[in-house]
């Protein structure tokens, strides 16, 4: 038996939310990018569009699961501006959304706990790395390192 496709993935956020698309010209590039994302079928949204929609709070019930699936692969992915921008956008989602979608909160919390564990494990090796600098820094150049 074939797995059933999620029919929502074939639809746009405009259709799912019952919104009418805006017509060009758009007042800003952000509004234009948002309108393009809202008119894109969910399955075709780029990582950048997911980040934009999350950060603008559009259709969170549809785009947060997509964001989480991206973050599972790489929590610090930089999709538009900087490493971790998608994660930061998710962390800035209003508390009310998480209260109503506790299963998604639990998934994101699991990603954060895993990330914390990884950072902690990497941190245990930092003293060895730092000692290499101290072993060959004979002129107190540490302040120049950064």
N, C-alpha and C. Protein backbone atom coordinates (compact mmCIF):
# COMPACT_ATOMS: atom_id res chain seq x y z
N UNK A 1 0.83 -1.17 0.00
CA UNK A 1 0.00 0.00 0.00
C UNK A 1 0.88 1.25 0.00
N UNK A 2 0.58 2.19 -0.89
CA UNK A 2 1.35 3.43 -0.97
C UNK A 2 1.02 4.33 0.20
N UNK A 3 2.04 5.04 0.73
CA UNK A 3 1.74 5.99 1.78
C UNK A 3 0.89 7.13 1.21
N UNK A 4 -0.01 7.61 2.02
CA UNK A 4 -0.90 8.70 1.59
C UNK A 4 -0.15 10.02 1.61
N UNK A 5 -0.27 10.77 0.54
CA UNK A 5 0.37 12.08 0.47
C UNK A 5 -0.40 13.09 1.30
N UNK A 6 0.33 14.01 1.88
CA UNK A 6 -0.30 15.10 2.61
C UNK A 6 -0.81 16.11 1.59
N UNK A 7 -2.12 16.21 1.44
CA UNK A 7 -2.70 17.09 0.43
C UNK A 7 -2.38 18.56 0.69
N UNK A 8 -2.15 18.93 1.95
CA UNK A 8 -1.80 20.31 2.25
C UNK A 8 -0.51 20.72 1.56
N UNK A 9 0.40 19.77 1.35
CA UNK A 9 1.68 20.07 0.72
C UNK A 9 1.51 20.58 -0.71
N UNK A 10 0.38 20.25 -1.34
CA UNK A 10 0.11 20.70 -2.70
C UNK A 10 -0.52 22.09 -2.74
N UNK A 11 -0.88 22.61 -1.59
CA UNK A 11 -1.60 23.88 -1.54
C UNK A 11 -0.67 25.00 -1.08
N UNK A 12 -1.09 26.22 -1.36
CA UNK A 12 -0.33 27.39 -0.92
C UNK A 12 -0.89 27.87 0.41
N UNK A 13 -0.09 28.67 1.11
CA UNK A 13 -0.60 29.25 2.35
C UNK A 13 -1.78 30.17 2.08
N UNK A 14 -1.74 30.89 0.96
CA UNK A 14 -2.90 31.73 0.62
C UNK A 14 -4.17 30.88 0.59
N UNK A 15 -4.10 29.72 -0.05
CA UNK A 15 -5.28 28.85 -0.15
C UNK A 15 -5.66 28.27 1.21
N UNK A 16 -4.67 27.80 1.95
CA UNK A 16 -4.94 27.18 3.26
C UNK A 16 -5.50 28.18 4.27
N UNK A 17 -5.05 29.42 4.17
CA UNK A 17 -5.49 30.44 5.13
C UNK A 17 -6.67 31.26 4.62
N UNK A 18 -7.05 31.03 3.36
CA UNK A 18 -8.17 31.77 2.78
C UNK A 18 -7.83 33.22 2.48
N UNK A 19 -6.56 33.48 2.18
CA UNK A 19 -6.12 34.84 1.87
C UNK A 19 -6.11 35.06 0.37
N UNK A 20 -6.44 36.27 -0.04
CA UNK A 20 -6.34 36.64 -1.44
C UNK A 20 -4.94 37.18 -1.69
N UNK A 21 -4.29 36.73 -2.76
CA UNK A 21 -2.94 37.23 -3.03
C UNK A 21 -2.96 38.72 -3.39
N UNK A 22 -1.93 39.42 -2.93
CA UNK A 22 -1.76 40.82 -3.31
C UNK A 22 -1.26 40.89 -4.74
N UNK A 23 -1.54 41.98 -5.39
CA UNK A 23 -1.08 42.18 -6.76
C UNK A 23 0.10 43.14 -6.78
N UNK A 24 1.05 42.88 -7.69
CA UNK A 24 2.16 43.83 -7.83
C UNK A 24 1.64 45.16 -8.36
N UNK A 25 2.34 46.23 -8.22
CA UNK A 25 3.67 46.33 -7.62
C UNK A 25 3.57 46.29 -6.08
N UNK A 26 4.63 45.78 -5.48
CA UNK A 26 4.69 45.67 -4.04
C UNK A 26 5.46 46.85 -3.47
N UNK A 27 5.09 47.32 -2.27
CA UNK A 27 5.76 48.50 -1.71
C UNK A 27 7.22 48.26 -1.32
N UNK A 28 7.57 47.01 -0.95
CA UNK A 28 8.95 46.70 -0.57
C UNK A 28 9.30 45.30 -1.06
N UNK A 29 10.60 45.01 -1.08
CA UNK A 29 11.02 43.67 -1.50
C UNK A 29 10.58 42.62 -0.48
N UNK A 30 10.49 43.00 0.80
CA UNK A 30 10.01 42.05 1.82
C UNK A 30 8.57 41.65 1.54
N UNK A 31 7.74 42.62 1.20
CA UNK A 31 6.34 42.32 0.87
C UNK A 31 6.28 41.45 -0.38
N UNK A 32 7.12 41.73 -1.34
CA UNK A 32 7.15 40.92 -2.56
C UNK A 32 7.57 39.49 -2.25
N UNK A 33 8.65 39.33 -1.49
CA UNK A 33 9.12 37.99 -1.13
C UNK A 33 8.06 37.24 -0.32
N UNK A 34 7.40 37.94 0.58
CA UNK A 34 6.33 37.32 1.36
C UNK A 34 5.19 36.85 0.49
N UNK A 35 4.78 37.67 -0.45
CA UNK A 35 3.69 37.29 -1.36
C UNK A 35 4.07 36.11 -2.24
N UNK A 36 5.31 36.07 -2.68
CA UNK A 36 5.77 34.93 -3.48
C UNK A 36 5.72 33.66 -2.64
N UNK A 37 6.20 33.74 -1.40
CA UNK A 37 6.18 32.57 -0.51
C UNK A 37 4.76 32.12 -0.22
N UNK A 38 3.86 33.06 0.01
CA UNK A 38 2.47 32.72 0.30
C UNK A 38 1.79 32.05 -0.90
N UNK A 39 2.28 32.32 -2.10
CA UNK A 39 1.69 31.76 -3.32
C UNK A 39 2.41 30.51 -3.81
N UNK A 40 3.37 30.02 -3.02
CA UNK A 40 4.15 28.83 -3.38
C UNK A 40 3.56 27.62 -2.66
N UNK A 41 3.33 26.50 -3.38
CA UNK A 41 2.87 25.29 -2.69
C UNK A 41 3.83 24.92 -1.56
N UNK A 42 3.29 24.45 -0.46
CA UNK A 42 4.12 24.12 0.71
C UNK A 42 5.29 23.22 0.35
N UNK A 43 5.06 22.22 -0.49
CA UNK A 43 6.14 21.28 -0.82
C UNK A 43 7.29 21.95 -1.55
N UNK A 44 7.02 23.11 -2.20
CA UNK A 44 8.04 23.79 -2.99
C UNK A 44 8.71 24.95 -2.27
N UNK A 45 8.33 25.20 -1.02
CA UNK A 45 8.94 26.32 -0.29
C UNK A 45 10.43 26.08 -0.10
N UNK A 46 11.22 27.09 -0.37
CA UNK A 46 12.66 27.00 -0.11
C UNK A 46 12.90 27.22 1.39
N UNK A 47 14.10 26.88 1.83
CA UNK A 47 14.46 27.12 3.23
C UNK A 47 14.33 28.60 3.57
N UNK A 48 14.73 29.46 2.62
CA UNK A 48 14.65 30.90 2.83
C UNK A 48 13.19 31.34 3.00
N UNK A 49 12.31 30.77 2.19
CA UNK A 49 10.89 31.13 2.31
C UNK A 49 10.30 30.64 3.63
N UNK A 50 10.72 29.46 4.08
CA UNK A 50 10.25 28.96 5.37
C UNK A 50 10.69 29.92 6.48
N UNK A 51 11.95 30.35 6.45
CA UNK A 51 12.43 31.29 7.47
C UNK A 51 11.65 32.59 7.42
N UNK A 52 11.41 33.10 6.23
CA UNK A 52 10.65 34.35 6.08
C UNK A 52 9.25 34.21 6.66
N UNK A 53 8.57 33.14 6.31
CA UNK A 53 7.20 32.93 6.79
C UNK A 53 7.16 32.76 8.30
N UNK A 54 8.12 32.02 8.85
CA UNK A 54 8.18 31.86 10.31
C UNK A 54 8.43 33.21 10.97
N UNK A 55 9.40 33.95 10.46
CA UNK A 55 9.75 35.23 11.10
C UNK A 55 8.61 36.24 11.00
N UNK A 56 7.78 36.14 9.97
CA UNK A 56 6.64 37.04 9.83
C UNK A 56 5.38 36.50 10.52
N UNK A 57 5.45 35.25 11.00
CA UNK A 57 4.32 34.66 11.71
C UNK A 57 3.17 34.23 10.82
N UNK A 58 3.46 33.96 9.54
CA UNK A 58 2.43 33.56 8.58
C UNK A 58 2.28 32.05 8.53
N UNK A 59 1.08 31.55 8.79
CA UNK A 59 0.80 30.12 8.64
C UNK A 59 1.69 29.23 9.48
N UNK A 60 1.95 29.65 10.70
CA UNK A 60 2.89 28.91 11.54
C UNK A 60 2.51 27.44 11.67
N UNK A 61 1.22 27.14 11.74
CA UNK A 61 0.81 25.74 11.90
C UNK A 61 1.24 24.89 10.71
N UNK A 62 1.51 25.52 9.57
CA UNK A 62 1.94 24.80 8.38
C UNK A 62 3.45 24.86 8.17
N UNK A 63 4.07 25.99 8.51
CA UNK A 63 5.49 26.15 8.20
C UNK A 63 6.43 25.73 9.34
N UNK A 64 5.96 25.76 10.59
CA UNK A 64 6.84 25.33 11.68
C UNK A 64 7.23 23.85 11.54
N UNK A 65 6.32 22.94 11.18
CA UNK A 65 6.77 21.56 10.96
C UNK A 65 7.85 21.47 9.87
N UNK A 66 7.74 22.29 8.83
CA UNK A 66 8.77 22.30 7.79
C UNK A 66 10.08 22.83 8.36
N UNK A 67 10.00 23.89 9.16
CA UNK A 67 11.20 24.45 9.78
C UNK A 67 11.88 23.41 10.67
N UNK A 68 11.09 22.70 11.45
CA UNK A 68 11.65 21.69 12.35
C UNK A 68 12.34 20.59 11.55
N UNK A 69 11.76 20.18 10.43
CA UNK A 69 12.40 19.13 9.63
C UNK A 69 13.73 19.61 9.06
N UNK A 70 13.85 20.90 8.78
CA UNK A 70 15.12 21.46 8.32
C UNK A 70 16.11 21.49 9.48
N UNK A 71 15.65 21.92 10.65
CA UNK A 71 16.53 22.06 11.81
C UNK A 71 17.01 20.72 12.34
N UNK A 72 16.24 19.66 12.15
CA UNK A 72 16.69 18.33 12.58
C UNK A 72 17.99 17.98 11.86
N UNK A 73 18.06 18.34 10.59
CA UNK A 73 19.25 18.04 9.79
C UNK A 73 20.44 18.93 10.18
N UNK A 74 20.17 20.20 10.47
CA UNK A 74 21.24 21.14 10.81
C UNK A 74 20.65 22.30 11.62
N UNK A 75 20.73 22.23 12.94
CA UNK A 75 20.12 23.27 13.77
C UNK A 75 20.71 24.66 13.55
N UNK A 76 21.94 24.73 13.10
CA UNK A 76 22.58 26.03 12.92
C UNK A 76 22.61 26.48 11.46
N UNK A 77 21.75 25.88 10.64
CA UNK A 77 21.72 26.25 9.23
C UNK A 77 21.46 27.75 9.09
N UNK A 78 22.21 28.35 8.21
CA UNK A 78 21.99 29.75 7.86
C UNK A 78 21.29 29.79 6.53
N UNK A 79 20.05 30.22 6.52
CA UNK A 79 19.30 30.16 5.26
C UNK A 79 19.20 31.52 4.57
N UNK A 80 19.35 32.60 5.30
CA UNK A 80 19.23 33.92 4.68
C UNK A 80 20.31 34.88 5.15
N UNK A 81 20.43 35.05 6.46
CA UNK A 81 21.29 36.11 6.98
C UNK A 81 22.55 35.61 7.68
N UNK A 82 22.43 34.61 8.53
CA UNK A 82 23.55 34.17 9.35
C UNK A 82 23.30 32.75 9.83
N UNK A 83 24.35 32.09 10.29
CA UNK A 83 24.21 30.74 10.82
C UNK A 83 23.25 30.77 12.00
N UNK A 84 22.24 29.92 11.94
CA UNK A 84 21.26 29.85 13.01
C UNK A 84 20.06 30.76 12.84
N UNK A 85 19.92 31.42 11.68
CA UNK A 85 18.81 32.37 11.54
C UNK A 85 17.45 31.69 11.52
N UNK A 86 17.35 30.48 10.99
CA UNK A 86 16.07 29.77 11.02
C UNK A 86 15.73 29.38 12.46
N UNK A 87 16.71 28.88 13.20
CA UNK A 87 16.49 28.53 14.60
C UNK A 87 16.08 29.76 15.41
N UNK A 88 16.76 30.87 15.20
CA UNK A 88 16.41 32.10 15.90
C UNK A 88 14.98 32.53 15.59
N UNK A 89 14.59 32.41 14.33
CA UNK A 89 13.21 32.76 13.96
C UNK A 89 12.21 31.88 14.71
N UNK A 90 12.52 30.60 14.82
CA UNK A 90 11.62 29.68 15.55
C UNK A 90 11.58 30.01 17.04
N UNK A 91 12.71 30.38 17.61
CA UNK A 91 12.75 30.71 19.04
C UNK A 91 11.98 31.99 19.35
N UNK A 92 11.77 32.82 18.35
CA UNK A 92 11.03 34.08 18.53
C UNK A 92 9.54 33.95 18.26
N UNK A 93 9.07 32.75 18.00
CA UNK A 93 7.63 32.54 17.79
C UNK A 93 6.91 32.82 19.11
N UNK A 94 5.77 33.51 19.05
CA UNK A 94 5.04 33.83 20.28
C UNK A 94 4.66 32.60 21.11
N UNK A 95 4.67 32.78 22.41
CA UNK A 95 4.39 31.72 23.37
C UNK A 95 3.04 31.06 23.11
N UNK A 96 2.05 31.82 22.70
CA UNK A 96 0.71 31.27 22.47
C UNK A 96 0.73 30.16 21.43
N UNK A 97 1.54 30.32 20.39
CA UNK A 97 1.63 29.26 19.37
C UNK A 97 2.12 27.97 20.00
N UNK A 98 3.18 28.07 20.82
CA UNK A 98 3.74 26.87 21.44
C UNK A 98 2.75 26.24 22.41
N UNK A 99 1.98 27.07 23.10
CA UNK A 99 0.98 26.55 24.03
C UNK A 99 -0.05 25.72 23.29
N UNK A 100 -0.41 26.16 22.08
CA UNK A 100 -1.41 25.46 21.28
C UNK A 100 -0.82 24.31 20.45
N UNK A 101 0.50 24.23 20.38
CA UNK A 101 1.17 23.22 19.56
C UNK A 101 2.33 22.61 20.35
N UNK A 102 1.98 22.02 21.49
CA UNK A 102 3.00 21.51 22.40
C UNK A 102 3.84 20.40 21.78
N UNK A 103 3.27 19.63 20.86
CA UNK A 103 4.04 18.58 20.20
C UNK A 103 5.17 19.18 19.36
N UNK A 104 4.92 20.33 18.73
CA UNK A 104 5.98 21.00 17.97
C UNK A 104 7.02 21.61 18.90
N UNK A 105 6.55 22.16 20.04
CA UNK A 105 7.48 22.68 21.03
C UNK A 105 8.42 21.57 21.50
N UNK A 106 7.86 20.39 21.76
CA UNK A 106 8.67 19.26 22.23
C UNK A 106 9.70 18.86 21.18
N UNK A 107 9.32 18.89 19.91
CA UNK A 107 10.27 18.55 18.85
C UNK A 107 11.41 19.57 18.79
N UNK A 108 11.07 20.85 18.86
CA UNK A 108 12.11 21.88 18.82
C UNK A 108 12.97 21.82 20.07
N UNK A 109 12.36 21.56 21.21
CA UNK A 109 13.12 21.42 22.45
C UNK A 109 14.11 20.27 22.35
N UNK A 110 13.72 19.17 21.72
CA UNK A 110 14.64 18.06 21.51
C UNK A 110 15.83 18.46 20.67
N UNK A 111 15.59 19.26 19.64
CA UNK A 111 16.68 19.76 18.80
C UNK A 111 17.62 20.63 19.64
N UNK A 112 17.05 21.50 20.46
CA UNK A 112 17.86 22.38 21.30
C UNK A 112 18.68 21.59 22.31
N UNK A 113 18.07 20.56 22.92
CA UNK A 113 18.81 19.74 23.88
C UNK A 113 19.97 19.02 23.20
N UNK A 114 19.73 18.52 22.01
CA UNK A 114 20.80 17.85 21.26
C UNK A 114 21.92 18.83 20.93
N UNK A 115 21.55 20.03 20.53
CA UNK A 115 22.54 21.06 20.22
C UNK A 115 23.34 21.43 21.47
N UNK A 116 22.65 21.59 22.60
CA UNK A 116 23.34 21.89 23.86
C UNK A 116 24.34 20.79 24.20
N UNK A 117 23.95 19.54 24.01
CA UNK A 117 24.84 18.41 24.31
C UNK A 117 26.07 18.44 23.41
N UNK A 118 25.86 18.73 22.14
CA UNK A 118 26.98 18.80 21.20
C UNK A 118 27.95 19.91 21.59
N UNK A 119 27.42 21.08 21.91
CA UNK A 119 28.27 22.20 22.32
C UNK A 119 29.03 21.84 23.59
N UNK A 120 28.38 21.17 24.52
CA UNK A 120 29.04 20.76 25.75
C UNK A 120 30.18 19.79 25.47
N UNK A 121 29.93 18.83 24.59
CA UNK A 121 30.97 17.85 24.25
C UNK A 121 32.15 18.51 23.55
N UNK A 122 31.86 19.43 22.65
CA UNK A 122 32.94 20.16 21.97
C UNK A 122 33.72 20.98 22.99
N UNK A 123 33.02 21.58 23.93
CA UNK A 123 33.66 22.41 24.94
C UNK A 123 34.66 21.66 25.80
N UNK A 124 34.48 20.36 25.96
CA UNK A 124 35.43 19.60 26.77
C UNK A 124 36.80 19.54 26.11
N UNK A 125 36.86 19.77 24.82
CA UNK A 125 38.14 19.72 24.09
C UNK A 125 38.79 21.10 23.98
N UNK A 126 38.10 22.12 24.41
CA UNK A 126 38.61 23.48 24.29
C UNK A 126 39.92 23.69 25.06
N UNK A 127 40.06 23.20 26.29
CA UNK A 127 41.31 23.42 27.01
C UNK A 127 42.54 22.89 26.25
N UNK A 128 42.40 21.73 25.62
CA UNK A 128 43.52 21.19 24.85
C UNK A 128 43.87 22.13 23.70
N UNK A 129 42.87 22.64 23.02
CA UNK A 129 43.09 23.57 21.93
C UNK A 129 43.75 24.85 22.44
N UNK A 130 43.25 25.38 23.55
CA UNK A 130 43.80 26.61 24.12
C UNK A 130 45.25 26.41 24.55
N UNK A 131 45.57 25.23 25.07
CA UNK A 131 46.94 24.99 25.54
C UNK A 131 47.93 25.02 24.39
N UNK A 132 47.49 24.70 23.18
CA UNK A 132 48.39 24.78 22.03
C UNK A 132 48.85 26.22 21.81
N UNK A 133 47.93 27.16 21.93
CA UNK A 133 48.28 28.58 21.77
C UNK A 133 49.27 29.00 22.85
N UNK A 134 48.97 28.61 24.06
CA UNK A 134 49.81 29.03 25.18
C UNK A 134 51.20 28.43 25.07
N UNK A 135 51.31 27.24 24.48
CA UNK A 135 52.61 26.59 24.35
C UNK A 135 53.52 27.35 23.40
N UNK A 136 52.99 27.97 22.38
CA UNK A 136 53.86 28.67 21.44
C UNK A 136 53.72 30.18 21.45
N UNK A 137 52.85 30.71 22.29
CA UNK A 137 52.72 32.17 22.42
C UNK A 137 53.71 32.66 23.46
N UNK A 138 54.87 33.08 23.01
CA UNK A 138 55.91 33.52 23.94
C UNK A 138 55.91 35.03 24.15
N UNK A 139 55.13 35.77 23.36
CA UNK A 139 55.19 37.23 23.46
C UNK A 139 53.86 37.84 23.90
N UNK A 140 53.00 37.05 24.46
CA UNK A 140 51.74 37.58 24.96
C UNK A 140 50.84 38.12 23.85
N UNK A 141 50.86 37.47 22.72
CA UNK A 141 50.11 37.96 21.56
C UNK A 141 48.65 37.54 21.58
N UNK A 142 48.23 36.89 22.65
CA UNK A 142 46.85 36.38 22.68
C UNK A 142 45.84 37.48 22.38
N UNK A 143 46.04 38.65 22.88
CA UNK A 143 45.07 39.72 22.63
C UNK A 143 45.02 40.08 21.15
N UNK A 144 46.06 39.78 20.40
CA UNK A 144 46.09 40.06 18.96
C UNK A 144 45.43 38.95 18.16
N UNK A 145 45.22 37.79 18.79
CA UNK A 145 44.67 36.62 18.10
C UNK A 145 43.30 36.93 17.51
N UNK A 146 42.46 37.57 18.24
CA UNK A 146 41.10 37.84 17.77
C UNK A 146 41.13 38.95 16.78
